[in-house]
C-alpha atoms as a PDB file:
ATOM      1  CA  MET A   1      12.587  -3.117  19.247  1.00  0.00           C
ATOM      2  CA  LYS A   2      13.877   0.441  19.162  1.00  0.00           C
ATOM      3  CA  PRO A   3      12.032   2.713  16.699  1.00  0.00           C
ATOM      4  CA  TYR A   4      13.919   3.966  13.660  1.00  0.00           C
ATOM      5  CA  TYR A   5      11.865   7.177  13.774  1.00  0.00           C
ATOM      6  CA  GLU A   6       9.354   8.559  16.259  1.00  0.00           C
ATOM      7  CA  HIS A   7       7.561  11.907  16.277  1.00  0.00           C
ATOM      8  CA  ALA A   8       4.033  13.268  16.820  1.00  0.00           C
ATOM      9  CA  GLY A   9       2.359   9.865  17.049  1.00  0.00           C
ATOM     10  CA  ILE A  10       4.153   8.382  14.032  1.00  0.00           C
ATOM     11  CA  THR A  11       6.579   5.541  14.743  1.00  0.00           C
ATOM     12  CA  ILE A  12       8.661   3.729  12.136  1.00  0.00           C
ATOM     13  CA  TYR A  13      10.446   0.423  12.695  1.00  0.00           C
ATOM     14  CA  HIS A  14      13.137  -0.739  10.286  1.00  0.00           C
ATOM     15  CA  GLY A  15      12.993  -4.496   9.926  1.00  0.00           C
ATOM     16  CA  ASP A  16      11.019  -7.502   8.774  1.00  0.00           C
ATOM     17  CA  CYS A  17       7.403  -7.044   9.858  1.00  0.00           C
ATOM     18  CA  ARG A  18       7.117 -10.759  10.614  1.00  0.00           C
ATOM     19  CA  ASP A  19       9.593 -10.174  13.435  1.00  0.00           C
ATOM     20  CA  VAL A  20       8.091  -6.883  14.651  1.00  0.00           C
ATOM     21  CA  MET A  21       4.279  -7.055  14.242  1.00  0.00           C
ATOM     22  CA  SER A  22       3.573  -9.055  17.383  1.00  0.00           C
ATOM     23  CA  SER A  23       5.124  -6.353  19.572  1.00  0.00           C
ATOM     24  CA  VAL A  24       3.174  -3.447  18.019  1.00  0.00           C
ATOM     25  CA  THR A  25      -0.275  -2.468  19.288  1.00  0.00           C
ATOM     26  CA  CYS A  26      -2.962  -1.263  16.892  1.00  0.00           C
ATOM     27  CA  ASP A  27      -6.725  -0.935  16.463  1.00  0.00           C
ATOM     28  CA  ALA A  28      -6.632  -1.478  12.701  1.00  0.00           C
ATOM     29  CA  LEU A  29      -4.191  -2.624  10.054  1.00  0.00           C
ATOM     30  CA  VAL A  30      -4.100  -0.862   6.665  1.00  0.00           C
ATOM     31  CA  THR A  31      -1.413  -1.985   4.248  1.00  0.00           C
ATOM     32  CA  ASP A  32      -0.260  -2.629   0.679  1.00  0.00           C
ATOM     33  CA  PRO A  33       2.051  -5.661   0.937  1.00  0.00           C
ATOM     34  CA  PRO A  34       4.123  -7.327  -1.790  1.00  0.00           C
ATOM     35  CA  TYR A  35       1.701  -9.377  -3.879  1.00  0.00           C
ATOM     36  CA  GLY A  36       4.003 -12.256  -4.757  1.00  0.00           C
ATOM     37  CA  ILE A  37       3.918 -11.484  -8.498  1.00  0.00           C
ATOM     38  CA  ASN A  38       7.598 -10.599  -9.076  1.00  0.00           C
ATOM     39  CA  LEU A  39       6.598  -7.237 -10.529  1.00  0.00           C
ATOM     40  CA  ASN A  40       8.962  -5.798 -13.137  1.00  0.00           C
ATOM     41  CA  THR A  41       9.533  -2.294 -11.778  1.00  0.00           C
ATOM     42  CA  ASP A  42      11.570  -1.054 -14.756  1.00  0.00           C
ATOM     43  CA  THR A  43       9.214   1.491 -16.328  1.00  0.00           C
ATOM     44  CA  SER A  44      11.729   2.268 -19.091  1.00  0.00           C
ATOM     45  CA  ARG A  45      10.254  -0.723 -20.957  1.00  0.00           C
ATOM     46  CA  PHE A  46       7.133   1.352 -21.744  1.00  0.00           C
ATOM     47  CA  SER A  47       6.847   3.826 -24.640  1.00  0.00           C
ATOM     48  CA  GLY A  48      10.311   3.027 -25.939  1.00  0.00           C
ATOM     49  CA  GLY A  49      11.982   4.174 -22.750  1.00  0.00           C
ATOM     50  CA  SER A  50      12.470   7.769 -23.891  1.00  0.00           C
ATOM     51  CA  PRO A  51      13.619  10.203 -21.184  1.00  0.00           C
ATOM     52  CA  GLU A  52      10.240  11.985 -21.383  1.00  0.00           C
ATOM     53  CA  SER A  53       8.277   8.765 -20.922  1.00  0.00           C
ATOM     54  CA  GLN A  54      10.547   7.639 -18.108  1.00  0.00           C
ATOM     55  CA  ALA A  55      10.033  10.924 -16.292  1.00  0.00           C
ATOM     56  CA  ARG A  56       6.243  10.731 -16.707  1.00  0.00           C
ATOM     57  CA  ARG A  57       6.136   7.191 -15.384  1.00  0.00           C
ATOM     58  CA  GLY A  58       8.389   7.948 -12.447  1.00  0.00           C
ATOM     59  CA  LYS A  59      11.630   6.291 -13.529  1.00  0.00           C
ATOM     60  CA  HIS A  60      13.733   8.802 -11.655  1.00  0.00           C
ATOM     61  CA  GLY A  61      11.490   8.749  -8.597  1.00  0.00           C
ATOM     62  CA  HIS A  62      11.498   5.105  -7.527  1.00  0.00           C
ATOM     63  CA  HIS A  63      14.726   3.517  -8.804  1.00  0.00           C
ATOM     64  CA  PRO A  64      13.121   0.748 -10.892  1.00  0.00           C
ATOM     65  CA  GLU A  65      16.272  -1.346 -10.963  1.00  0.00           C
ATOM     66  CA  ARG A  66      15.441  -2.480  -7.424  1.00  0.00           C
ATOM     67  CA  PRO A  67      12.837  -5.243  -7.084  1.00  0.00           C
ATOM     68  CA  ILE A  68      10.145  -5.082  -4.415  1.00  0.00           C
ATOM     69  CA  VAL A  69      11.417  -6.935  -1.347  1.00  0.00           C
ATOM     70  CA  GLY A  70       9.474 -10.162  -0.799  1.00  0.00           C
ATOM     71  CA  ASP A  71       7.654 -10.030  -4.145  1.00  0.00           C
ATOM     72  CA  ARG A  72       9.269 -13.137  -5.621  1.00  0.00           C
ATOM     73  CA  GLU A  73       7.564 -15.642  -3.330  1.00  0.00           C
ATOM     74  CA  PRO A  74       3.821 -16.216  -2.771  1.00  0.00           C
ATOM     75  CA  PHE A  75       2.449 -13.808  -0.185  1.00  0.00           C
ATOM     76  CA  ASP A  76       0.855 -15.120   3.021  1.00  0.00           C
ATOM     77  CA  PRO A  77      -1.471 -12.551   4.668  1.00  0.00           C
ATOM     78  CA  SER A  78      -2.445 -14.783   7.611  1.00  0.00           C
ATOM     79  CA  PRO A  79      -0.061 -13.215  10.208  1.00  0.00           C
ATOM     80  CA  MET A  80      -1.836  -9.869   9.720  1.00  0.00           C
ATOM     81  CA  LEU A  81      -5.306 -11.196  10.533  1.00  0.00           C
ATOM     82  CA  ALA A  82      -4.625 -11.028  14.269  1.00  0.00           C
ATOM     83  CA  CYS A  83      -3.512  -7.381  14.140  1.00  0.00           C
ATOM     84  CA  GLY A  84      -6.204  -5.034  15.445  1.00  0.00           C
ATOM     85  CA  GLN A  85      -9.953  -5.359  15.158  1.00  0.00           C
ATOM     86  CA  ASP A  86     -10.075  -4.589  11.425  1.00  0.00           C
ATOM     87  CA  GLN A  87      -7.754  -5.093   8.487  1.00  0.00           C
ATOM     88  CA  ILE A  88      -7.572  -3.590   5.001  1.00  0.00           C
ATOM     89  CA  ILE A  89      -5.099  -5.391   2.738  1.00  0.00           C
ATOM     90  CA  TRP A  90      -4.424  -4.286  -0.849  1.00  0.00           C
ATOM     91  CA  GLY A  91      -3.668  -6.831  -3.566  1.00  0.00           C
ATOM     92  CA  TRP A  92      -6.527  -9.106  -2.532  1.00  0.00           C
ATOM     93  CA  ASN A  93      -6.870 -10.689  -5.988  1.00  0.00           C
ATOM     94  CA  HIS A  94      -3.357 -12.166  -5.735  1.00  0.00           C
ATOM     95  CA  PHE A  95      -3.970 -14.135  -2.521  1.00  0.00           C
ATOM     96  CA  ALA A  96      -7.765 -14.298  -2.191  1.00  0.00           C
ATOM     97  CA  ASP A  97      -7.620 -18.019  -1.364  1.00  0.00           C
ATOM     98  CA  ARG A  98      -5.724 -17.175   1.835  1.00  0.00           C
ATOM     99  CA  LEU A  99      -8.281 -14.723   3.228  1.00  0.00           C
ATOM    100  CA  PRO A 100     -11.777 -15.206   4.683  1.00  0.00           C
ATOM    101  CA  ARG A 101     -14.816 -13.509   3.173  1.00  0.00           C
ATOM    102  CA  GLY A 102     -14.992  -9.762   3.536  1.00  0.00           C
ATOM    103  CA  ALA A 103     -15.839  -6.516   1.822  1.00  0.00           C
ATOM    104  CA  CYS A 104     -13.990  -5.306  -1.255  1.00  0.00           C
ATOM    105  CA  LEU A 105     -12.514  -1.835  -1.789  1.00  0.00           C
ATOM    106  CA  VAL A 106     -11.858  -0.891  -5.413  1.00  0.00           C
ATOM    107  CA  TRP A 107      -9.453   1.847  -6.472  1.00  0.00           C
ATOM    108  CA  LEU A 108     -10.323   3.027  -9.988  1.00  0.00           C
ATOM    109  CA  LYS A 109      -7.071   4.450 -11.344  1.00  0.00           C
ATOM    110  CA  ARG A 110      -8.343   5.999 -14.588  1.00  0.00           C
ATOM    111  CA  TYR A 111     -11.364   7.438 -16.348  1.00  0.00           C
ATOM    112  CA  ASP A 112     -13.756   5.108 -18.177  1.00  0.00           C
ATOM    113  CA  ALA A 113     -12.492   6.145 -21.606  1.00  0.00           C
ATOM    114  CA  ALA A 114      -9.024   4.832 -20.754  1.00  0.00           C
ATOM    115  CA  PHE A 115     -10.171   1.423 -19.474  1.00  0.00           C
ATOM    116  CA  GLN A 116      -8.187  -1.508 -20.953  1.00  0.00           C
ATOM    117  CA  SER A 117      -5.610   0.813 -22.476  1.00  0.00           C
ATOM    118  CA  PHE A 118      -2.583   0.212 -20.222  1.00  0.00           C
ATOM    119  CA  LEU A 119      -1.939  -2.246 -17.377  1.00  0.00           C
ATOM    120  CA  SER A 120      -4.618  -2.496 -14.648  1.00  0.00           C
ATOM    121  CA  ASP A 121      -7.595  -0.171 -14.592  1.00  0.00           C
ATOM    122  CA  ALA A 122      -8.100  -0.709 -10.867  1.00  0.00           C
ATOM    123  CA  GLU A 123      -6.740  -2.350  -7.729  1.00  0.00           C
ATOM    124  CA  VAL A 124      -8.672  -4.168  -5.021  1.00  0.00           C
ATOM    125  CA  ALA A 125      -8.322  -4.468  -1.264  1.00  0.00           C
ATOM    126  CA  TRP A 126      -9.857  -6.902   1.182  1.00  0.00           C
ATOM    127  CA  PHE A 127     -11.661  -5.405   4.183  1.00  0.00           C
ATOM    128  CA  SER A 128     -12.286  -7.680   7.149  1.00  0.00           C
ATOM    129  CA  ARG A 129     -15.707  -6.214   7.975  1.00  0.00           C
ATOM    130  CA  GLY A 130     -18.880  -6.549   5.897  1.00  0.00           C
ATOM    131  CA  HIS A 131     -19.681  -7.972   2.471  1.00  0.00           C
ATOM    132  CA  GLY A 132     -20.107  -4.977   0.146  1.00  0.00           C
ATOM    133  CA  VAL A 133     -18.060  -3.626  -2.734  1.00  0.00           C
ATOM    134  CA  TYR A 134     -16.984   0.027  -2.435  1.00  0.00           C
ATOM    135  CA  CYS A 135     -15.290   2.063  -5.167  1.00  0.00           C
ATOM    136  CA  ARG A 136     -13.239   5.235  -5.304  1.00  0.00           C
ATOM    137  CA  ARG A 137     -11.882   6.901  -8.404  1.00  0.00           C
ATOM    138  CA  ASP A 138      -8.560   8.541  -7.547  1.00  0.00           C
ATOM    139  CA  LEU A 139      -6.237   9.788 -10.274  1.00  0.00           C
ATOM    140  CA  THR A 140      -3.772  11.619  -8.034  1.00  0.00           C
ATOM    141  CA  ASN A 141      -0.945   9.128  -8.671  1.00  0.00           C
ATOM    142  CA  SER A 142      -0.889  10.179 -12.326  1.00  0.00           C
ATOM    143  CA  ALA A 143       0.025  13.706 -11.293  1.00  0.00           C
ATOM    144  CA  ILE A 144       2.946  12.624  -9.108  1.00  0.00           C
ATOM    145  CA  CYS A 145       4.499   9.832 -11.226  1.00  0.00           C
ATOM    146  CA  ALA A 146       7.926  11.443 -11.376  1.00  0.00           C
ATOM    147  CA  GLU A 147       7.931  12.099  -7.620  1.00  0.00           C
ATOM    148  CA  ARG A 148       7.076   8.597  -6.410  1.00  0.00           C
ATOM    149  CA  VAL A 149       9.631   6.924  -4.164  1.00  0.00           C
ATOM    150  CA  HIS A 150       8.182   3.406  -4.416  1.00  0.00           C
ATOM    151  CA  PRO A 151       6.999   1.578  -7.561  1.00  0.00           C
ATOM    152  CA  THR A 152       3.634   0.588  -6.048  1.00  0.00           C
ATOM    153  CA  GLN A 153       3.076   3.757  -4.021  1.00  0.00           C
ATOM    154  CA  LYS A 154      -0.557   4.446  -3.122  1.00  0.00           C
ATOM    155  CA  PRO A 155      -1.902   8.020  -2.989  1.00  0.00           C
ATOM    156  CA  VAL A 156      -2.352   9.625   0.428  1.00  0.00           C
ATOM    157  CA  THR A 157      -5.935  10.446  -0.587  1.00  0.00           C
ATOM    158  CA  LEU A 158      -6.624   6.755  -1.233  1.00  0.00           C
ATOM    159  CA  MET A 159      -5.237   5.739   2.139  1.00  0.00           C
ATOM    160  CA  SER A 160      -7.326   8.464   3.801  1.00  0.00           C
ATOM    161  CA  TRP A 161     -10.364   6.861   2.146  1.00  0.00           C
ATOM    162  CA  CYS A 162      -9.315   3.508   3.624  1.00  0.00           C
ATOM    163  CA  LEU A 163      -9.169   5.060   7.090  1.00  0.00           C
ATOM    164  CA  SER A 164     -12.785   6.200   6.702  1.00  0.00           C
ATOM    165  CA  PHE A 165     -13.790   2.517   6.917  1.00  0.00           C
ATOM    166  CA  VAL A 166     -12.278   2.202  10.408  1.00  0.00           C
ATOM    167  CA  PRO A 167     -13.525   5.423  12.069  1.00  0.00           C
ATOM    168  CA  LYS A 168     -13.136   4.143  15.641  1.00  0.00           C
ATOM    169  CA  ALA A 169      -9.491   3.163  15.222  1.00  0.00           C
ATOM    170  CA  ARG A 170      -6.974   5.427  16.953  1.00  0.00           C
ATOM    171  CA  HIS A 171      -3.806   3.402  16.199  1.00  0.00           C
ATOM    172  CA  ILE A 172      -3.241   2.369  12.549  1.00  0.00           C
ATOM    173  CA  LEU A 173      -0.539  -0.195  11.741  1.00  0.00           C
ATOM    174  CA  ASP A 174       1.059  -0.486   8.307  1.00  0.00           C
ATOM    175  CA  PRO A 175       3.512  -3.424   8.409  1.00  0.00           C
ATOM    176  CA  TYR A 176       4.549  -2.926   4.756  1.00  0.00           C
ATOM    177  CA  MET A 177       4.727   0.864   4.783  1.00  0.00           C
ATOM    178  CA  GLY A 178       6.841   1.429   1.648  1.00  0.00           C
ATOM    179  CA  SER A 179       6.791   5.169   0.973  1.00  0.00           C
ATOM    180  CA  GLY A 180       4.674   5.784   4.077  1.00  0.00           C
ATOM    181  CA  THR A 181       1.466   7.186   2.597  1.00  0.00           C
ATOM    182  CA  THR A 182      -0.701   5.281   5.100  1.00  0.00           C
ATOM    183  CA  LEU A 183       1.193   6.939   7.939  1.00  0.00           C
ATOM    184  CA  VAL A 184       0.855  10.360   6.276  1.00  0.00           C
ATOM    185  CA  ALA A 185      -2.911   9.844   5.957  1.00  0.00           C
ATOM    186  CA  ALA A 186      -3.099   8.781   9.599  1.00  0.00           C
ATOM    187  CA  LYS A 187      -1.108  11.814  10.712  1.00  0.00           C
ATOM    188  CA  HIS A 188      -3.438  14.122   8.755  1.00  0.00           C
ATOM    189  CA  ALA A 189      -6.371  12.495  10.559  1.00  0.00           C
ATOM    190  CA  GLY A 190      -4.771  13.034  13.975  1.00  0.00           C
ATOM    191  CA  LEU A 191      -4.199   9.308  14.529  1.00  0.00           C
ATOM    192  CA  ARG A 192      -1.242   7.425  15.927  1.00  0.00           C
ATOM    193  CA  ALA A 193       0.404   5.156  13.396  1.00  0.00           C
ATOM    194  CA  PRO A 194       3.253   2.663  13.696  1.00  0.00           C
ATOM    195  CA  GLY A 195       4.787   1.499  10.423  1.00  0.00           C
ATOM    196  CA  ILE A 196       7.285  -1.211   9.578  1.00  0.00           C
ATOM    197  CA  GLU A 197       9.553  -1.237   6.516  1.00  0.00           C
ATOM    198  CA  ILE A 198      12.294  -3.706   5.599  1.00  0.00           C
ATOM    199  CA  GLU A 199      13.966  -1.478   2.981  1.00  0.00           C
ATOM    200  CA  GLU A 200      15.862   1.261   4.826  1.00  0.00           C
ATOM    201  CA  ARG A 201      16.244   3.519   1.764  1.00  0.00           C
END
């Protein structure tokens, strides 16, 4: 398949990853796929939907009227388990019964004082190697809410942390690349990174 974009070790394919993954080589897979929860991406429903609240929550940044592609049906992570030597897959709690045992990465999205105040306090990822639980507090998404281009966009700093768990990997695949923060983190680390995204915009 011809790349949609290719420069300085970063390659982007536009298409369904289920059709493209088998032809892409990687050492490790790091991704944040659709969770199969039919997420309501319209942030105007919070805080009365005032223009100020919408701006803070990123209404203008990620076009909440568009649903996340593939999020309406249950997610099957099994095709990704053969990609590379290691895999890190966010959203583990939504399809844990479809993954083998592994380590758990926890992204703490707020300070302790704000726990249980609004939506999820944290998100979890499955890591194919080990059995431990590893946490990182990262509040950088709060600072860029209005600039996000995807409703479930992960911070570049968080994805850089993920890459620290696969230090020997030189090619990082993200088959559900969304806004591309995994590829940005890989580029900053001097790695090669193919990404696949079904939504051209």
